[in-house]
C-alpha atoms as a PDB file:
ATOM      1  CA  UNK A   1      -8.631   3.465 -37.146  1.00  0.00           C
ATOM      2  CA  UNK A   2      -5.120   2.249 -37.974  1.00  0.00           C
ATOM      3  CA  UNK A   3      -6.319  -1.317 -38.557  1.00  0.00           C
ATOM      4  CA  UNK A   4      -9.267  -0.253 -40.706  1.00  0.00           C
ATOM      5  CA  UNK A   5      -7.118   2.102 -42.790  1.00  0.00           C
ATOM      6  CA  UNK A   6      -4.561  -0.544 -43.647  1.00  0.00           C
ATOM      7  CA  UNK A   7      -7.235  -3.078 -44.481  1.00  0.00           C
ATOM      8  CA  UNK A   8      -8.628  -0.608 -47.026  1.00  0.00           C
ATOM      9  CA  UNK A   9      -5.180  -0.016 -48.540  1.00  0.00           C
ATOM     10  CA  UNK A  10      -4.654  -3.771 -48.911  1.00  0.00           C
ATOM     11  CA  UNK A  11      -7.977  -4.448 -50.682  1.00  0.00           C
ATOM     12  CA  UNK A  12      -8.292  -1.191 -52.586  1.00  0.00           C
ATOM     13  CA  UNK A  13     -11.863  -0.840 -51.343  1.00  0.00           C
ATOM     14  CA  UNK A  14     -12.649   1.728 -48.656  1.00  0.00           C
ATOM     15  CA  UNK A  15     -14.759   0.380 -45.784  1.00  0.00           C
ATOM     16  CA  UNK A  16     -18.355   1.506 -45.423  1.00  0.00           C
ATOM     17  CA  UNK A  17     -18.653   4.612 -43.301  1.00  0.00           C
ATOM     18  CA  UNK A  18     -21.220   2.986 -41.036  1.00  0.00           C
ATOM     19  CA  UNK A  19     -18.691   0.367 -39.920  1.00  0.00           C
ATOM     20  CA  UNK A  20     -15.934   2.816 -39.081  1.00  0.00           C
ATOM     21  CA  UNK A  21     -15.393   3.088 -35.285  1.00  0.00           C
ATOM     22  CA  UNK A  22     -15.823   6.407 -33.568  1.00  0.00           C
ATOM     23  CA  UNK A  23     -12.502   8.295 -33.134  1.00  0.00           C
ATOM     24  CA  UNK A  24     -12.715   8.059 -29.349  1.00  0.00           C
ATOM     25  CA  UNK A  25     -13.949   4.445 -29.202  1.00  0.00           C
ATOM     26  CA  UNK A  26     -10.786   3.059 -27.619  1.00  0.00           C
ATOM     27  CA  UNK A  27     -10.459   5.953 -25.202  1.00  0.00           C
ATOM     28  CA  UNK A  28     -14.003   5.535 -23.932  1.00  0.00           C
ATOM     29  CA  UNK A  29     -14.123   1.728 -23.898  1.00  0.00           C
ATOM     30  CA  UNK A  30     -11.454   0.031 -21.728  1.00  0.00           C
ATOM     31  CA  UNK A  31     -12.612  -3.403 -22.955  1.00  0.00           C
ATOM     32  CA  UNK A  32     -11.945  -2.383 -26.557  1.00  0.00           C
ATOM     33  CA  UNK A  33      -8.496  -1.120 -25.610  1.00  0.00           C
ATOM     34  CA  UNK A  34      -7.710  -4.358 -23.776  1.00  0.00           C
ATOM     35  CA  UNK A  35      -8.817  -6.410 -26.807  1.00  0.00           C
ATOM     36  CA  UNK A  36      -6.577  -4.363 -29.091  1.00  0.00           C
ATOM     37  CA  UNK A  37      -3.527  -4.258 -26.832  1.00  0.00           C
ATOM     38  CA  UNK A  38      -3.556  -7.329 -24.548  1.00  0.00           C
ATOM     39  CA  UNK A  39       0.226  -7.482 -24.138  1.00  0.00           C
ATOM     40  CA  UNK A  40       0.415  -3.860 -22.997  1.00  0.00           C
ATOM     41  CA  UNK A  41      -2.048  -4.573 -20.174  1.00  0.00           C
ATOM     42  CA  UNK A  42       0.315  -7.210 -18.780  1.00  0.00           C
ATOM     43  CA  UNK A  43       3.587  -5.406 -19.452  1.00  0.00           C
ATOM     44  CA  UNK A  44       5.724  -4.195 -16.587  1.00  0.00           C
ATOM     45  CA  UNK A  45       8.881  -2.196 -17.138  1.00  0.00           C
ATOM     46  CA  UNK A  46      12.201  -3.055 -15.527  1.00  0.00           C
ATOM     47  CA  UNK A  47      11.842   0.169 -13.549  1.00  0.00           C
ATOM     48  CA  UNK A  48       8.487  -0.971 -12.138  1.00  0.00           C
ATOM     49  CA  UNK A  49       9.829  -4.396 -11.234  1.00  0.00           C
ATOM     50  CA  UNK A  50      12.910  -2.886  -9.573  1.00  0.00           C
ATOM     51  CA  UNK A  51      10.723  -0.394  -7.695  1.00  0.00           C
ATOM     52  CA  UNK A  52       8.459  -3.140  -6.347  1.00  0.00           C
ATOM     53  CA  UNK A  53      11.321  -5.418  -5.294  1.00  0.00           C
ATOM     54  CA  UNK A  54      13.392  -2.725  -3.577  1.00  0.00           C
ATOM     55  CA  UNK A  55      10.343  -1.262  -1.862  1.00  0.00           C
ATOM     56  CA  UNK A  56       9.301  -4.712  -0.622  1.00  0.00           C
ATOM     57  CA  UNK A  57      12.804  -5.333   0.756  1.00  0.00           C
ATOM     58  CA  UNK A  58      12.655  -2.025   2.669  1.00  0.00           C
ATOM     59  CA  UNK A  59       9.110  -2.593   3.960  1.00  0.00           C
ATOM     60  CA  UNK A  60       9.971  -6.105   5.157  1.00  0.00           C
ATOM     61  CA  UNK A  61      13.079  -4.837   6.941  1.00  0.00           C
ATOM     62  CA  UNK A  62      15.552  -6.772   4.784  1.00  0.00           C
ATOM     63  CA  UNK A  63      17.147  -3.396   4.033  1.00  0.00           C
ATOM     64  CA  UNK A  64      17.140  -1.503   7.330  1.00  0.00           C
ATOM     65  CA  UNK A  65      16.843   2.272   7.848  1.00  0.00           C
ATOM     66  CA  UNK A  66      20.236   3.905   7.398  1.00  0.00           C
ATOM     67  CA  UNK A  67      21.534   1.134   5.131  1.00  0.00           C
ATOM     68  CA  UNK A  68      23.200   2.029   1.829  1.00  0.00           C
ATOM     69  CA  UNK A  69      21.596   0.813  -1.392  1.00  0.00           C
ATOM     70  CA  UNK A  70      24.092   0.315  -4.234  1.00  0.00           C
ATOM     71  CA  UNK A  71      22.397   0.572  -7.622  1.00  0.00           C
ATOM     72  CA  UNK A  72      25.258  -1.155  -9.478  1.00  0.00           C
ATOM     73  CA  UNK A  73      25.115  -4.149  -7.140  1.00  0.00           C
ATOM     74  CA  UNK A  74      21.351  -4.534  -7.632  1.00  0.00           C
ATOM     75  CA  UNK A  75      21.649  -4.129 -11.405  1.00  0.00           C
ATOM     76  CA  UNK A  76      24.431  -6.710 -11.647  1.00  0.00           C
ATOM     77  CA  UNK A  77      22.568  -9.213  -9.461  1.00  0.00           C
ATOM     78  CA  UNK A  78      19.412  -8.788 -11.555  1.00  0.00           C
ATOM     79  CA  UNK A  79      21.244  -8.866 -14.879  1.00  0.00           C
ATOM     80  CA  UNK A  80      19.928  -5.477 -15.987  1.00  0.00           C
ATOM     81  CA  UNK A  81      21.414  -2.042 -16.588  1.00  0.00           C
ATOM     82  CA  UNK A  82      21.825   0.549 -13.851  1.00  0.00           C
ATOM     83  CA  UNK A  83      19.332   2.955 -15.473  1.00  0.00           C
ATOM     84  CA  UNK A  84      16.018   1.294 -14.458  1.00  0.00           C
ATOM     85  CA  UNK A  85      17.389   0.708 -10.949  1.00  0.00           C
ATOM     86  CA  UNK A  86      18.210   4.406 -10.539  1.00  0.00           C
ATOM     87  CA  UNK A  87      14.800   5.344 -11.958  1.00  0.00           C
ATOM     88  CA  UNK A  88      13.189   3.075  -9.369  1.00  0.00           C
ATOM     89  CA  UNK A  89      15.297   4.603  -6.593  1.00  0.00           C
ATOM     90  CA  UNK A  90      14.239   8.116  -7.627  1.00  0.00           C
ATOM     91  CA  UNK A  91      10.597   7.020  -7.358  1.00  0.00           C
ATOM     92  CA  UNK A  92      11.321   5.594  -3.925  1.00  0.00           C
ATOM     93  CA  UNK A  93      12.894   8.898  -2.937  1.00  0.00           C
ATOM     94  CA  UNK A  94       9.736  10.751  -3.988  1.00  0.00           C
ATOM     95  CA  UNK A  95       7.736   8.299  -1.863  1.00  0.00           C
ATOM     96  CA  UNK A  96      10.042   8.941   1.105  1.00  0.00           C
ATOM     97  CA  UNK A  97      11.636   5.494   1.340  1.00  0.00           C
ATOM     98  CA  UNK A  98      15.208   6.513   0.432  1.00  0.00           C
ATOM     99  CA  UNK A  99      17.381   9.599   0.218  1.00  0.00           C
ATOM    100  CA  UNK A 100      19.784  10.222  -2.662  1.00  0.00           C
ATOM    101  CA  UNK A 101      22.647  12.557  -1.807  1.00  0.00           C
ATOM    102  CA  UNK A 102      24.540  14.746  -4.342  1.00  0.00           C
ATOM    103  CA  UNK A 103      27.172  12.008  -4.813  1.00  0.00           C
ATOM    104  CA  UNK A 104      24.386   9.564  -5.813  1.00  0.00           C
ATOM    105  CA  UNK A 105      24.713   7.508  -2.637  1.00  0.00           C
ATOM    106  CA  UNK A 106      21.315   6.036  -1.762  1.00  0.00           C
ATOM    107  CA  UNK A 107      20.392   5.616   1.906  1.00  0.00           C
ATOM    108  CA  UNK A 108      17.223   4.021   3.278  1.00  0.00           C
ATOM    109  CA  UNK A 109      15.373   6.759   5.135  1.00  0.00           C
ATOM    110  CA  UNK A 110      15.113   6.797   8.911  1.00  0.00           C
ATOM    111  CA  UNK A 111      12.243   8.552  10.649  1.00  0.00           C
ATOM    112  CA  UNK A 112      12.883  11.189  13.285  1.00  0.00           C
ATOM    113  CA  UNK A 113      10.548  11.532  16.297  1.00  0.00           C
ATOM    114  CA  UNK A 114       8.958  14.568  14.627  1.00  0.00           C
ATOM    115  CA  UNK A 115       8.347  12.617  11.408  1.00  0.00           C
ATOM    116  CA  UNK A 116       6.862   9.718  13.345  1.00  0.00           C
ATOM    117  CA  UNK A 117       4.484  12.059  15.141  1.00  0.00           C
ATOM    118  CA  UNK A 118       3.402  13.754  11.923  1.00  0.00           C
ATOM    119  CA  UNK A 119       2.730  10.430  10.217  1.00  0.00           C
ATOM    120  CA  UNK A 120       0.700   9.086  13.109  1.00  0.00           C
ATOM    121  CA  UNK A 121      -1.345  12.276  13.259  1.00  0.00           C
ATOM    122  CA  UNK A 122      -2.012  11.938   9.532  1.00  0.00           C
ATOM    123  CA  UNK A 123      -3.021   8.305   9.860  1.00  0.00           C
ATOM    124  CA  UNK A 124      -5.282   8.982  12.842  1.00  0.00           C
ATOM    125  CA  UNK A 125      -7.124  11.689  10.908  1.00  0.00           C
ATOM    126  CA  UNK A 126      -7.440   9.715   7.667  1.00  0.00           C
ATOM    127  CA  UNK A 127      -8.389   6.405   9.289  1.00  0.00           C
ATOM    128  CA  UNK A 128     -11.090   8.167  11.283  1.00  0.00           C
ATOM    129  CA  UNK A 129     -12.322   9.739   8.046  1.00  0.00           C
ATOM    130  CA  UNK A 130     -12.446   6.318   6.360  1.00  0.00           C
ATOM    131  CA  UNK A 131     -14.499   4.784   9.165  1.00  0.00           C
ATOM    132  CA  UNK A 132     -17.000   7.669   9.104  1.00  0.00           C
ATOM    133  CA  UNK A 133     -17.213   7.725   5.310  1.00  0.00           C
ATOM    134  CA  UNK A 134     -17.579   3.965   5.027  1.00  0.00           C
ATOM    135  CA  UNK A 135     -20.204   3.554   7.769  1.00  0.00           C
ATOM    136  CA  UNK A 136     -22.996   2.784   5.303  1.00  0.00           C
ATOM    137  CA  UNK A 137     -20.874   0.078   3.649  1.00  0.00           C
ATOM    138  CA  UNK A 138     -20.155  -1.939   6.794  1.00  0.00           C
ATOM    139  CA  UNK A 139     -21.690  -5.335   6.049  1.00  0.00           C
ATOM    140  CA  UNK A 140     -21.930  -8.561   7.950  1.00  0.00           C
ATOM    141  CA  UNK A 141     -19.334 -10.021   5.606  1.00  0.00           C
ATOM    142  CA  UNK A 142     -16.885  -7.225   6.405  1.00  0.00           C
ATOM    143  CA  UNK A 143     -17.413  -7.668  10.146  1.00  0.00           C
ATOM    144  CA  UNK A 144     -16.822 -11.412   9.791  1.00  0.00           C
ATOM    145  CA  UNK A 145     -13.544 -10.777   7.973  1.00  0.00           C
ATOM    146  CA  UNK A 146     -12.429  -8.304  10.621  1.00  0.00           C
ATOM    147  CA  UNK A 147     -13.342 -10.809  13.360  1.00  0.00           C
ATOM    148  CA  UNK A 148     -11.313 -13.507  11.600  1.00  0.00           C
ATOM    149  CA  UNK A 149      -8.315 -11.187  11.422  1.00  0.00           C
ATOM    150  CA  UNK A 150      -8.691 -10.331  15.110  1.00  0.00           C
ATOM    151  CA  UNK A 151      -8.601 -14.062  15.840  1.00  0.00           C
ATOM    152  CA  UNK A 152      -5.519 -14.426  13.631  1.00  0.00           C
ATOM    153  CA  UNK A 153      -3.825 -11.622  15.563  1.00  0.00           C
ATOM    154  CA  UNK A 154      -4.453 -13.436  18.815  1.00  0.00           C
ATOM    155  CA  UNK A 155      -3.033 -16.660  17.376  1.00  0.00           C
ATOM    156  CA  UNK A 156       0.041 -14.851  16.047  1.00  0.00           C
ATOM    157  CA  UNK A 157       0.643 -13.294  19.450  1.00  0.00           C
ATOM    158  CA  UNK A 158       0.322 -16.706  21.112  1.00  0.00           C
ATOM    159  CA  UNK A 159       2.937 -18.031  18.667  1.00  0.00           C
ATOM    160  CA  UNK A 160       5.111 -14.920  19.232  1.00  0.00           C
ATOM    161  CA  UNK A 161       5.167 -14.463  15.444  1.00  0.00           C
ATOM    162  CA  UNK A 162       5.487 -10.711  14.907  1.00  0.00           C
ATOM    163  CA  UNK A 163       5.713 -10.890  11.103  1.00  0.00           C
ATOM    164  CA  UNK A 164       2.487 -12.925  10.924  1.00  0.00           C
ATOM    165  CA  UNK A 165       0.761 -10.530  13.320  1.00  0.00           C
ATOM    166  CA  UNK A 166       1.836  -7.427  11.394  1.00  0.00           C
ATOM    167  CA  UNK A 167       0.523  -8.954   8.151  1.00  0.00           C
ATOM    168  CA  UNK A 168      -2.890  -9.579   9.758  1.00  0.00           C
ATOM    169  CA  UNK A 169      -2.858  -6.114  11.319  1.00  0.00           C
ATOM    170  CA  UNK A 170      -2.163  -4.563   7.915  1.00  0.00           C
ATOM    171  CA  UNK A 171      -5.109  -6.436   6.389  1.00  0.00           C
ATOM    172  CA  UNK A 172      -7.398  -5.406   9.265  1.00  0.00           C
ATOM    173  CA  UNK A 173      -6.704  -1.725   8.687  1.00  0.00           C
ATOM    174  CA  UNK A 174      -6.683  -1.975   4.886  1.00  0.00           C
ATOM    175  CA  UNK A 175     -10.233  -3.377   4.939  1.00  0.00           C
ATOM    176  CA  UNK A 176     -11.373  -0.350   6.923  1.00  0.00           C
ATOM    177  CA  UNK A 177      -9.695   2.036   4.485  1.00  0.00           C
ATOM    178  CA  UNK A 178     -11.214   0.359   1.433  1.00  0.00           C
ATOM    179  CA  UNK A 179     -14.717   0.468   2.902  1.00  0.00           C
ATOM    180  CA  UNK A 180     -14.638   4.250   2.534  1.00  0.00           C
ATOM    181  CA  UNK A 181     -14.213   3.988  -1.264  1.00  0.00           C
ATOM    182  CA  UNK A 182     -11.704   6.861  -1.221  1.00  0.00           C
ATOM    183  CA  UNK A 183      -8.849   5.547  -3.395  1.00  0.00           C
ATOM    184  CA  UNK A 184      -6.582   8.590  -3.022  1.00  0.00           C
ATOM    185  CA  UNK A 185      -6.894   8.474   0.753  1.00  0.00           C
ATOM    186  CA  UNK A 186      -6.196   4.734   0.721  1.00  0.00           C
ATOM    187  CA  UNK A 187      -3.009   5.275  -1.290  1.00  0.00           C
ATOM    188  CA  UNK A 188      -1.764   7.907   1.154  1.00  0.00           C
ATOM    189  CA  UNK A 189      -2.517   5.605   4.071  1.00  0.00           C
ATOM    190  CA  UNK A 190      -0.839   2.609   2.422  1.00  0.00           C
ATOM    191  CA  UNK A 191       2.316   4.563   1.641  1.00  0.00           C
ATOM    192  CA  UNK A 192       2.471   5.978   5.167  1.00  0.00           C
ATOM    193  CA  UNK A 193       1.780   2.548   6.657  1.00  0.00           C
ATOM    194  CA  UNK A 194       4.524   0.902   4.605  1.00  0.00           C
ATOM    195  CA  UNK A 195       7.108   3.436   5.749  1.00  0.00           C
ATOM    196  CA  UNK A 196       6.582   2.278   9.339  1.00  0.00           C
ATOM    197  CA  UNK A 197       6.392  -1.493   8.833  1.00  0.00           C
ATOM    198  CA  UNK A 198      10.006  -2.152   9.831  1.00  0.00           C
ATOM    199  CA  UNK A 199       9.486  -0.328  13.118  1.00  0.00           C
ATOM    200  CA  UNK A 200       6.136  -2.022  13.815  1.00  0.00           C
ATOM    201  CA  UNK A 201       7.622  -5.497  13.462  1.00  0.00           C
ATOM    202  CA  UNK A 202      10.338  -4.603  15.984  1.00  0.00           C
ATOM    203  CA  UNK A 203       7.850  -3.047  18.403  1.00  0.00           C
ATOM    204  CA  UNK A 204       5.430  -5.983  18.280  1.00  0.00           C
ATOM    205  CA  UNK A 205       8.265  -8.519  18.555  1.00  0.00           C
ATOM    206  CA  UNK A 206       9.412  -6.820  21.748  1.00  0.00           C
ATOM    207  CA  UNK A 207       5.860  -6.933  23.091  1.00  0.00           C
ATOM    208  CA  UNK A 208       5.317 -10.657  22.821  1.00  0.00           C
ATOM    209  CA  UNK A 209       4.673 -10.985  19.082  1.00  0.00           C
ATOM    210  CA  UNK A 210       1.864  -8.418  19.038  1.00  0.00           C
ATOM    211  CA  UNK A 211       1.081  -5.712  21.548  1.00  0.00           C
ATOM    212  CA  UNK A 212      -1.702  -6.827  23.899  1.00  0.00           C
ATOM    213  CA  UNK A 213      -2.903  -3.214  24.021  1.00  0.00           C
ATOM    214  CA  UNK A 214      -3.410  -3.236  20.245  1.00  0.00           C
ATOM    215  CA  UNK A 215      -5.660  -6.298  20.515  1.00  0.00           C
ATOM    216  CA  UNK A 216      -7.783  -4.532  23.121  1.00  0.00           C
ATOM    217  CA  UNK A 217      -8.015  -1.417  20.947  1.00  0.00           C
ATOM    218  CA  UNK A 218      -9.006  -3.471  17.897  1.00  0.00           C
ATOM    219  CA  UNK A 219     -11.752  -5.026  19.994  1.00  0.00           C
ATOM    220  CA  UNK A 220     -13.094  -1.561  20.836  1.00  0.00           C
ATOM    221  CA  UNK A 221     -13.156  -0.658  17.139  1.00  0.00           C
ATOM    222  CA  UNK A 222     -14.942  -3.894  16.276  1.00  0.00           C
ATOM    223  CA  UNK A 223     -17.570  -3.601  19.002  1.00  0.00           C
ATOM    224  CA  UNK A 224     -18.413  -0.065  17.893  1.00  0.00           C
ATOM    225  CA  UNK A 225     -18.763  -1.194  14.272  1.00  0.00           C
ATOM    226  CA  UNK A 226     -20.878  -4.194  15.264  1.00  0.00           C
ATOM    227  CA  UNK A 227     -23.121  -1.848  17.254  1.00  0.00           C
ATOM    228  CA  UNK A 228     -23.549   0.492  14.283  1.00  0.00           C
ATOM    229  CA  UNK A 229     -21.694   3.277  16.094  1.00  0.00           C
ATOM    230  CA  UNK A 230     -19.558   4.789  13.328  1.00  0.00           C
ATOM    231  CA  UNK A 231     -18.635   7.845  15.400  1.00  0.00           C
ATOM    232  CA  UNK A 232     -17.507   5.610  18.260  1.00  0.00           C
ATOM    233  CA  UNK A 233     -15.501   3.414  15.887  1.00  0.00           C
ATOM    234  CA  UNK A 234     -13.803   6.492  14.413  1.00  0.00           C
ATOM    235  CA  UNK A 235     -12.858   7.737  17.884  1.00  0.00           C
ATOM    236  CA  UNK A 236     -11.586   4.275  18.788  1.00  0.00           C
ATOM    237  CA  UNK A 237      -9.371   4.051  15.718  1.00  0.00           C
ATOM    238  CA  UNK A 238      -7.992   7.557  16.269  1.00  0.00           C
ATOM    239  CA  UNK A 239      -7.121   6.672  19.873  1.00  0.00           C
ATOM    240  CA  UNK A 240      -5.628   3.365  18.713  1.00  0.00           C
ATOM    241  CA  UNK A 241      -3.348   5.169  16.286  1.00  0.00           C
ATOM    242  CA  UNK A 242      -2.104   7.707  18.841  1.00  0.00           C
ATOM    243  CA  UNK A 243      -1.510   5.042  21.495  1.00  0.00           C
ATOM    244  CA  UNK A 244       0.377   3.002  18.908  1.00  0.00           C
ATOM    245  CA  UNK A 245       2.609   6.020  18.379  1.00  0.00           C
ATOM    246  CA  UNK A 246       3.383   6.091  22.097  1.00  0.00           C
ATOM    247  CA  UNK A 247       4.131   2.361  22.167  1.00  0.00           C
ATOM    248  CA  UNK A 248       6.447   2.682  19.208  1.00  0.00           C
ATOM    249  CA  UNK A 249       8.341   5.517  20.884  1.00  0.00           C
ATOM    250  CA  UNK A 250       8.721   3.435  24.056  1.00  0.00           C
ATOM    251  CA  UNK A 251       9.955   0.212  22.462  1.00  0.00           C
ATOM    252  CA  UNK A 252      12.052   1.080  19.377  1.00  0.00           C
END
């Protein structure tokens, strides 16, 4: 409407009514919006960039639980103001990755045994839900991808490469979540999963690069899926999650 209106003002001739777009055309047509505002679709704020970088550093263990995060140091290193860094840290606090005390000190969150247990219970329930909900969408292609990841996990364990194994493990589980086509559930699972990545890398490193028990449990999940037994696969993934909780408690 804005473009059409100004064209009319410039020419002195109002456009024909039949050519005028409907008032809600952009709202109802994402393609039209993208054509009109291509730069906005690609734009990322400094807050978003800071959020992604700090979160990645925490997830990868480069900033360990209990470590202090200094907003001024990050801002100076990045050549930006402190404001977007603090905005990113507040988002991370809402997501549970950091804690900001009244004096504005920012500490990477640690998980207590009770918090670990709650998170694993949540993941067991939601992963089981995803497997049941996605049963009709399990294709040969999906099973082939899961098999390839299982092979990659074995290779990573043989190389004693915990970081490589955890990356493959994350992809294995993410594929199962996405099969359910429940985006809100997937986001909850991803956020919960990311909070525990630091601890998983340590646990798997101490168990030879990847826990042998986890490989066996993945195999049980796969065999159930390959046999068309969604209920069995859901039970297997729930048991896998709870046993993983026990392993984590024993080795970290």
